[in-house]
C-alpha atoms as a PDB file:
ATOM      1  CA  MET A   1     -75.184  33.700 -66.843  1.00  0.00           C
ATOM      2  CA  SER A   2     -73.655  30.251 -67.298  1.00  0.00           C
ATOM      3  CA  GLU A   3     -71.667  29.448 -70.411  1.00  0.00           C
ATOM      4  CA  SER A   4     -73.296  27.481 -73.194  1.00  0.00           C
ATOM      5  CA  PRO A   5     -72.289  23.801 -73.437  1.00  0.00           C
ATOM      6  CA  LEU A   6     -69.038  22.828 -75.142  1.00  0.00           C
ATOM      7  CA  ALA A   7     -68.551  20.464 -78.086  1.00  0.00           C
ATOM      8  CA  LEU A   8     -65.304  19.178 -79.594  1.00  0.00           C
ATOM      9  CA  VAL A   9     -65.416  17.958 -83.204  1.00  0.00           C
ATOM     10  CA  THR A  10     -62.408  16.264 -84.804  1.00  0.00           C
ATOM     11  CA  GLY A  11     -61.891  16.380 -88.556  1.00  0.00           C
ATOM     12  CA  ALA A  12     -63.659  19.742 -88.446  1.00  0.00           C
ATOM     13  CA  SER A  13     -61.822  21.428 -91.303  1.00  0.00           C
ATOM     14  CA  ARG A  14     -63.824  19.714 -94.053  1.00  0.00           C
ATOM     15  CA  GLY A  15     -66.480  17.175 -94.984  1.00  0.00           C
ATOM     16  CA  ILE A  16     -68.712  15.631 -92.336  1.00  0.00           C
ATOM     17  CA  GLY A  17     -66.725  17.192 -89.495  1.00  0.00           C
ATOM     18  CA  ALA A  18     -67.145  20.717 -90.838  1.00  0.00           C
ATOM     19  CA  ALA A  19     -70.851  20.153 -91.491  1.00  0.00           C
ATOM     20  CA  THR A  20     -71.291  18.774 -87.968  1.00  0.00           C
ATOM     21  CA  ALA A  21     -69.618  21.817 -86.473  1.00  0.00           C
ATOM     22  CA  ARG A  22     -71.994  24.084 -88.395  1.00  0.00           C
ATOM     23  CA  ALA A  23     -75.004  22.049 -87.212  1.00  0.00           C
ATOM     24  CA  LEU A  24     -73.897  22.175 -83.581  1.00  0.00           C
ATOM     25  CA  GLN A  25     -72.883  25.858 -83.546  1.00  0.00           C
ATOM     26  CA  PRO A  26     -76.267  27.359 -82.611  1.00  0.00           C
ATOM     27  CA  HIS A  27     -76.360  25.168 -79.506  1.00  0.00           C
ATOM     28  CA  TYR A  28     -72.714  24.814 -78.397  1.00  0.00           C
ATOM     29  CA  ARG A  29     -69.414  26.556 -78.048  1.00  0.00           C
ATOM     30  CA  LEU A  30     -67.056  24.683 -80.356  1.00  0.00           C
ATOM     31  CA  LEU A  31     -63.529  23.350 -80.411  1.00  0.00           C
ATOM     32  CA  LEU A  32     -62.645  22.585 -84.024  1.00  0.00           C
ATOM     33  CA  GLY A  33     -60.120  19.745 -84.107  1.00  0.00           C
ATOM     34  CA  GLY A  34     -57.836  18.824 -86.983  1.00  0.00           C
ATOM     35  CA  ARG A  35     -54.322  19.048 -88.383  1.00  0.00           C
ATOM     36  CA  ASP A  36     -54.760  21.993 -90.775  1.00  0.00           C
ATOM     37  CA  ALA A  37     -54.521  25.013 -88.476  1.00  0.00           C
ATOM     38  CA  GLU A  38     -55.167  27.499 -91.280  1.00  0.00           C
ATOM     39  CA  ALA A  39     -58.337  25.727 -92.428  1.00  0.00           C
ATOM     40  CA  LEU A  40     -59.557  25.455 -88.828  1.00  0.00           C
ATOM     41  CA  GLU A  41     -58.982  29.155 -88.204  1.00  0.00           C
ATOM     42  CA  LYS A  42     -60.973  29.956 -91.337  1.00  0.00           C
ATOM     43  CA  GLN A  43     -63.811  27.720 -90.141  1.00  0.00           C
ATOM     44  CA  ALA A  44     -63.733  29.279 -86.678  1.00  0.00           C
ATOM     45  CA  ALA A  45     -63.969  32.787 -88.133  1.00  0.00           C
ATOM     46  CA  ASP A  46     -67.298  31.838 -89.717  1.00  0.00           C
ATOM     47  CA  LEU A  47     -68.757  30.214 -86.583  1.00  0.00           C
ATOM     48  CA  PRO A  48     -69.434  32.436 -83.552  1.00  0.00           C
ATOM     49  CA  GLY A  49     -68.255  30.756 -80.382  1.00  0.00           C
ATOM     50  CA  ALA A  50     -65.836  28.463 -82.226  1.00  0.00           C
ATOM     51  CA  THR A  51     -62.124  28.061 -81.527  1.00  0.00           C
ATOM     52  CA  ALA A  52     -59.567  26.267 -83.683  1.00  0.00           C
ATOM     53  CA  TRP A  53     -58.062  23.265 -81.875  1.00  0.00           C
ATOM     54  CA  PRO A  54     -55.204  22.089 -84.124  1.00  0.00           C
ATOM     55  CA  VAL A  55     -53.508  18.881 -83.016  1.00  0.00           C
ATOM     56  CA  GLU A  56     -52.151  15.716 -84.607  1.00  0.00           C
ATOM     57  CA  LEU A  57     -54.444  13.108 -83.070  1.00  0.00           C
ATOM     58  CA  THR A  58     -51.839  10.359 -83.339  1.00  0.00           C
ATOM     59  CA  ASP A  59     -49.245  12.417 -81.435  1.00  0.00           C
ATOM     60  CA  PHE A  60     -50.403  11.296 -78.028  1.00  0.00           C
ATOM     61  CA  ALA A  61     -48.080  13.562 -76.065  1.00  0.00           C
ATOM     62  CA  ALA A  62     -49.423  16.572 -77.972  1.00  0.00           C
ATOM     63  CA  LEU A  63     -52.946  15.266 -77.442  1.00  0.00           C
ATOM     64  CA  ARG A  64     -52.461  15.173 -73.676  1.00  0.00           C
ATOM     65  CA  GLU A  65     -51.292  18.795 -73.744  1.00  0.00           C
ATOM     66  CA  ALA A  66     -54.192  19.847 -75.967  1.00  0.00           C
ATOM     67  CA  VAL A  67     -56.880  18.499 -73.630  1.00  0.00           C
ATOM     68  CA  ALA A  68     -55.385  20.135 -70.541  1.00  0.00           C
ATOM     69  CA  GLY A  69     -57.834  22.620 -69.112  1.00  0.00           C
ATOM     70  CA  ILE A  70     -60.967  21.006 -70.559  1.00  0.00           C
ATOM     71  CA  GLU A  71     -62.865  20.325 -67.357  1.00  0.00           C
ATOM     72  CA  ARG A  72     -66.367  19.881 -68.763  1.00  0.00           C
ATOM     73  CA  LEU A  73     -67.237  18.575 -72.215  1.00  0.00           C
ATOM     74  CA  ASP A  74     -70.824  18.099 -73.325  1.00  0.00           C
ATOM     75  CA  VAL A  75     -70.225  16.572 -76.763  1.00  0.00           C
ATOM     76  CA  LEU A  76     -67.262  14.807 -78.355  1.00  0.00           C
ATOM     77  CA  VAL A  77     -67.644  13.980 -82.053  1.00  0.00           C
ATOM     78  CA  HIS A  78     -65.020  11.738 -83.648  1.00  0.00           C
ATOM     79  CA  SER A  79     -65.152  12.588 -87.354  1.00  0.00           C
ATOM     80  CA  ALA A  80     -61.458  12.439 -88.329  1.00  0.00           C
ATOM     81  CA  GLY A  81     -60.482   9.294 -90.216  1.00  0.00           C
ATOM     82  CA  VAL A  82     -58.540   7.762 -93.069  1.00  0.00           C
ATOM     83  CA  ALA A  83     -59.630   5.394 -95.840  1.00  0.00           C
ATOM     84  CA  GLN A  84     -57.514   3.702 -98.480  1.00  0.00           C
ATOM     85  CA  LEU A  85     -58.660   1.256-101.125  1.00  0.00           C
ATOM     86  CA  GLY A  86     -56.701  -1.994-101.478  1.00  0.00           C
ATOM     87  CA  THR A  87     -57.044  -5.754-101.466  1.00  0.00           C
ATOM     88  CA  VAL A  88     -55.468  -7.759 -98.676  1.00  0.00           C
ATOM     89  CA  GLU A  89     -52.673  -8.665-101.095  1.00  0.00           C
ATOM     90  CA  GLU A  90     -52.024  -5.000-101.874  1.00  0.00           C
ATOM     91  CA  THR A  91     -52.280  -3.628 -98.328  1.00  0.00           C
ATOM     92  CA  ASP A  92     -49.014  -3.637 -96.402  1.00  0.00           C
ATOM     93  CA  ALA A  93     -48.501  -3.565 -92.662  1.00  0.00           C
ATOM     94  CA  GLU A  94     -47.975   0.199 -92.574  1.00  0.00           C
ATOM     95  CA  SER A  95     -51.367   0.826 -94.178  1.00  0.00           C
ATOM     96  CA  TRP A  96     -53.085  -1.484 -91.693  1.00  0.00           C
ATOM     97  CA  ARG A  97     -51.270   0.260 -88.864  1.00  0.00           C
ATOM     98  CA  ARG A  98     -52.262   3.732 -90.117  1.00  0.00           C
ATOM     99  CA  HIS A  99     -55.940   2.799 -90.427  1.00  0.00           C
ATOM    100  CA  PHE A 100     -56.056   1.474 -86.890  1.00  0.00           C
ATOM    101  CA  GLU A 101     -53.952   4.269 -85.406  1.00  0.00           C
ATOM    102  CA  VAL A 102     -56.206   7.027 -86.793  1.00  0.00           C
ATOM    103  CA  ASN A 103     -59.600   5.316 -86.861  1.00  0.00           C
ATOM    104  CA  VAL A 104     -59.363   3.415 -83.571  1.00  0.00           C
ATOM    105  CA  VAL A 105     -56.393   4.168 -81.312  1.00  0.00           C
ATOM    106  CA  ALA A 106     -56.620   7.962 -81.594  1.00  0.00           C
ATOM    107  CA  VAL A 107     -60.385   7.787 -81.011  1.00  0.00           C
ATOM    108  CA  ALA A 108     -59.897   5.654 -77.915  1.00  0.00           C
ATOM    109  CA  GLU A 109     -57.066   7.774 -76.500  1.00  0.00           C
ATOM    110  CA  LEU A 110     -58.803  11.120 -76.993  1.00  0.00           C
ATOM    111  CA  THR A 111     -61.934   9.722 -75.379  1.00  0.00           C
ATOM    112  CA  ARG A 112     -59.948   8.281 -72.482  1.00  0.00           C
ATOM    113  CA  LEU A 113     -58.229  11.594 -71.812  1.00  0.00           C
ATOM    114  CA  LEU A 114     -61.553  13.435 -71.857  1.00  0.00           C
ATOM    115  CA  LEU A 115     -63.584  10.987 -69.777  1.00  0.00           C
ATOM    116  CA  PRO A 116     -63.400  13.101 -66.594  1.00  0.00           C
ATOM    117  CA  ALA A 117     -64.704  16.124 -68.520  1.00  0.00           C
ATOM    118  CA  LEU A 118     -67.435  14.055 -70.185  1.00  0.00           C
ATOM    119  CA  ARG A 119     -68.524  12.546 -66.871  1.00  0.00           C
ATOM    120  CA  ALA A 120     -68.618  15.984 -65.257  1.00  0.00           C
ATOM    121  CA  ALA A 121     -71.028  17.209 -67.935  1.00  0.00           C
ATOM    122  CA  HIS A 122     -72.954  13.949 -68.394  1.00  0.00           C
ATOM    123  CA  GLY A 123     -71.737  14.307 -71.941  1.00  0.00           C
ATOM    124  CA  HIS A 124     -72.228  12.515 -75.226  1.00  0.00           C
ATOM    125  CA  VAL A 125     -69.647  10.759 -77.427  1.00  0.00           C
ATOM    126  CA  VAL A 126     -70.446  10.343 -81.122  1.00  0.00           C
ATOM    127  CA  VAL A 127     -68.306   8.099 -83.311  1.00  0.00           C
ATOM    128  CA  ILE A 128     -68.771   8.716 -87.034  1.00  0.00           C
ATOM    129  CA  ASN A 129     -68.421   5.198 -88.375  1.00  0.00           C
ATOM    130  CA  SER A 130     -69.307   3.936 -91.874  1.00  0.00           C
ATOM    131  CA  GLY A 131     -71.386   1.386 -93.708  1.00  0.00           C
ATOM    132  CA  SER A 132     -68.081  -0.495 -93.829  1.00  0.00           C
ATOM    133  CA  GLY A 133     -68.327  -0.797 -90.055  1.00  0.00           C
ATOM    134  CA  MET A 134     -71.388  -2.998 -90.540  1.00  0.00           C
ATOM    135  CA  ASN A 135     -70.607  -4.874 -93.760  1.00  0.00           C
ATOM    136  CA  ALA A 136     -67.106  -5.643 -95.033  1.00  0.00           C
ATOM    137  CA  LYS A 137     -66.405  -5.378 -98.758  1.00  0.00           C
ATOM    138  CA  ALA A 138     -63.673  -6.603-101.054  1.00  0.00           C
ATOM    139  CA  SER A 139     -60.765  -4.155-101.396  1.00  0.00           C
ATOM    140  CA  TRP A 140     -61.731  -2.413 -98.158  1.00  0.00           C
ATOM    141  CA  GLY A 141     -60.161  -4.809 -95.652  1.00  0.00           C
ATOM    142  CA  ALA A 142     -58.047  -2.429 -93.569  1.00  0.00           C
ATOM    143  CA  TYR A 143     -60.678   0.307 -93.521  1.00  0.00           C
ATOM    144  CA  ALA A 144     -63.561  -2.054 -92.717  1.00  0.00           C
ATOM    145  CA  ALA A 145     -61.565  -3.810 -90.006  1.00  0.00           C
ATOM    146  CA  SER A 146     -60.767  -0.486 -88.357  1.00  0.00           C
ATOM    147  CA  LYS A 147     -64.415   0.587 -88.519  1.00  0.00           C
ATOM    148  CA  PHE A 148     -65.607  -2.723 -87.047  1.00  0.00           C
ATOM    149  CA  ALA A 149     -63.107  -2.086 -84.255  1.00  0.00           C
ATOM    150  CA  ALA A 150     -64.413   1.462 -83.797  1.00  0.00           C
ATOM    151  CA  ARG A 151     -67.908   0.049 -83.452  1.00  0.00           C
ATOM    152  CA  ALA A 152     -66.723  -2.388 -80.774  1.00  0.00           C
ATOM    153  CA  PHE A 153     -64.983   0.472 -78.982  1.00  0.00           C
ATOM    154  CA  ALA A 154     -68.186   2.532 -78.932  1.00  0.00           C
ATOM    155  CA  ASP A 155     -70.224  -0.448 -77.719  1.00  0.00           C
ATOM    156  CA  THR A 156     -67.755  -1.102 -74.902  1.00  0.00           C
ATOM    157  CA  LEU A 157     -67.579   2.558 -73.926  1.00  0.00           C
ATOM    158  CA  ARG A 158     -71.381   2.700 -73.771  1.00  0.00           C
ATOM    159  CA  LEU A 159     -71.568  -0.286 -71.424  1.00  0.00           C
ATOM    160  CA  GLU A 160     -68.891   1.178 -69.155  1.00  0.00           C
ATOM    161  CA  GLU A 161     -69.929   4.835 -69.117  1.00  0.00           C
ATOM    162  CA  GLU A 162     -73.719   4.860 -69.264  1.00  0.00           C
ATOM    163  CA  PRO A 163     -73.806   4.360 -65.467  1.00  0.00           C
ATOM    164  CA  ASN A 164     -71.681   7.533 -65.235  1.00  0.00           C
ATOM    165  CA  GLY A 165     -74.228   9.520 -67.239  1.00  0.00           C
ATOM    166  CA  VAL A 166     -72.316   9.454 -70.552  1.00  0.00           C
ATOM    167  CA  ARG A 167     -74.185   8.579 -73.750  1.00  0.00           C
ATOM    168  CA  VAL A 168     -72.409   6.997 -76.737  1.00  0.00           C
ATOM    169  CA  THR A 169     -73.726   6.923 -80.298  1.00  0.00           C
ATOM    170  CA  SER A 170     -72.287   5.313 -83.410  1.00  0.00           C
ATOM    171  CA  VAL A 171     -73.397   6.942 -86.673  1.00  0.00           C
ATOM    172  CA  PHE A 172     -73.142   4.774 -89.782  1.00  0.00           C
ATOM    173  CA  PRO A 173     -73.457   6.953 -92.896  1.00  0.00           C
ATOM    174  CA  GLY A 174     -73.539   5.561 -96.386  1.00  0.00           C
ATOM    175  CA  ARG A 175     -71.335   7.089 -99.034  1.00  0.00           C
ATOM    176  CA  THR A 176     -71.206  10.823 -98.527  1.00  0.00           C
ATOM    177  CA  ALA A 177     -70.259  13.591-100.953  1.00  0.00           C
ATOM    178  CA  THR A 178     -66.910  14.659 -99.501  1.00  0.00           C
ATOM    179  CA  GLY A 179     -63.386  15.151-100.789  1.00  0.00           C
ATOM    180  CA  MET A 180     -62.495  11.735 -99.376  1.00  0.00           C
ATOM    181  CA  GLN A 181     -65.347  10.150-101.316  1.00  0.00           C
ATOM    182  CA  GLU A 182     -64.203  11.854-104.511  1.00  0.00           C
ATOM    183  CA  ALA A 183     -60.710  10.389-104.044  1.00  0.00           C
ATOM    184  CA  VAL A 184     -62.146   6.946-103.285  1.00  0.00           C
ATOM    185  CA  THR A 185     -64.335   7.040-106.388  1.00  0.00           C
ATOM    186  CA  ALA A 186     -61.314   7.946-108.509  1.00  0.00           C
ATOM    187  CA  ALA A 187     -59.362   5.026-106.998  1.00  0.00           C
ATOM    188  CA  GLU A 188     -62.232   2.730-107.958  1.00  0.00           C
ATOM    189  CA  GLY A 189     -61.989   3.990-111.541  1.00  0.00           C
ATOM    190  CA  LEU A 190     -65.497   5.478-111.430  1.00  0.00           C
ATOM    191  CA  GLU A 191     -66.915   8.906-112.222  1.00  0.00           C
ATOM    192  CA  TYR A 192     -67.780  11.038-109.232  1.00  0.00           C
ATOM    193  CA  HIS A 193     -71.386  12.239-109.120  1.00  0.00           C
ATOM    194  CA  PRO A 194     -71.951  13.947-105.760  1.00  0.00           C
ATOM    195  CA  GLU A 195     -75.727  14.045-106.246  1.00  0.00           C
ATOM    196  CA  GLN A 196     -75.756  10.243-105.902  1.00  0.00           C
ATOM    197  CA  TYR A 197     -74.441  10.400-102.341  1.00  0.00           C
ATOM    198  CA  LEU A 198     -75.518  11.734 -98.970  1.00  0.00           C
ATOM    199  CA  ARG A 199     -74.750  15.365 -98.273  1.00  0.00           C
ATOM    200  CA  PRO A 200     -72.440  15.979 -95.299  1.00  0.00           C
ATOM    201  CA  GLU A 201     -75.213  18.148 -93.848  1.00  0.00           C
ATOM    202  CA  SER A 202     -77.503  15.103 -93.753  1.00  0.00           C
ATOM    203  CA  VAL A 203     -75.029  13.196 -91.611  1.00  0.00           C
ATOM    204  CA  ALA A 204     -74.557  16.270 -89.420  1.00  0.00           C
ATOM    205  CA  ALA A 205     -78.314  16.438 -88.896  1.00  0.00           C
ATOM    206  CA  ALA A 206     -78.237  12.847 -87.606  1.00  0.00           C
ATOM    207  CA  VAL A 207     -75.485  13.797 -85.150  1.00  0.00           C
ATOM    208  CA  LEU A 208     -77.439  16.809 -83.947  1.00  0.00           C
ATOM    209  CA  GLY A 209     -80.527  14.662 -83.483  1.00  0.00           C
ATOM    210  CA  ALA A 210     -78.604  12.180 -81.370  1.00  0.00           C
ATOM    211  CA  VAL A 211     -76.944  14.696 -79.059  1.00  0.00           C
ATOM    212  CA  THR A 212     -80.143  16.693 -78.544  1.00  0.00           C
ATOM    213  CA  ALA A 213     -82.248  13.631 -77.737  1.00  0.00           C
ATOM    214  CA  THR A 214     -84.327  13.941 -74.575  1.00  0.00           C
ATOM    215  CA  PRO A 215     -82.510  12.867 -71.398  1.00  0.00           C
ATOM    216  CA  ASP A 216     -84.550   9.672 -71.081  1.00  0.00           C
ATOM    217  CA  ALA A 217     -83.345   8.467 -74.501  1.00  0.00           C
ATOM    218  CA  HIS A 218     -80.010   6.911 -75.455  1.00  0.00           C
ATOM    219  CA  PRO A 219     -79.549   6.771 -79.249  1.00  0.00           C
ATOM    220  CA  THR A 220     -77.040   3.943 -79.571  1.00  0.00           C
ATOM    221  CA  GLU A 221     -76.771   3.530 -83.353  1.00  0.00           C
ATOM    222  CA  VAL A 222     -77.940   5.737 -86.215  1.00  0.00           C
ATOM    223  CA  VAL A 223     -77.800   4.418 -89.782  1.00  0.00           C
ATOM    224  CA  VAL A 224     -78.123   6.948 -92.616  1.00  0.00           C
ATOM    225  CA  ARG A 225     -78.273   5.933 -96.266  1.00  0.00           C
ATOM    226  CA  PRO A 226     -78.787   7.906 -99.488  1.00  0.00           C
ATOM    227  CA  ARG A 227     -82.341   7.756-100.826  1.00  0.00           C
ATOM    228  CA  ARG A 228     -82.833   5.730-103.963  1.00  0.00           C
ATOM    229  CA  ARG A 229     -83.550   8.031-106.904  1.00  0.00           C
END
């Protein structure tokens, strides 16, 4: 009997990444990517067929070692990311660099390293973007710029790799009830009411829908917003 397909999810220890791993688990073996090895091991213990895959995504030498041996990869979900509130005046070069290194460069490098495995499986790359990747807002310059860049990366990858059988989807969720969102809301000086936001499971369902689309379909962009109440 052949092995079930393999999916790698970054940022899998919490939030959207963890919810995506849970949504994919009935259909895929899982590699749970992230920095917190203990949290990943705990997640893996609750998900049959899952293995913790701890690695610092911006340590590119470590990343090359971590992908060694992955010969076929059916799904790659980029969920890891950073977001920091700040006007252009308040945001220094290091913050700009960090946003782009995590949200763009690490995404591009991990994808590049795994392209042979994705091509071998006719796999699917999903980039979890943001509403800020479609519309820039005041005080979100570095984050929005990195997410616009991530969108351009996904668009370019799609043009280059669709002839090789690889599908690429950008998912643009609205504000989602995660620990990151709670911290952002506090930085904005607002009260955090999780019921006002999307649930991580709702974003995960959009990812699952994209990667299980029929072979004739190529979901290129999925936009998910909270319902008005």
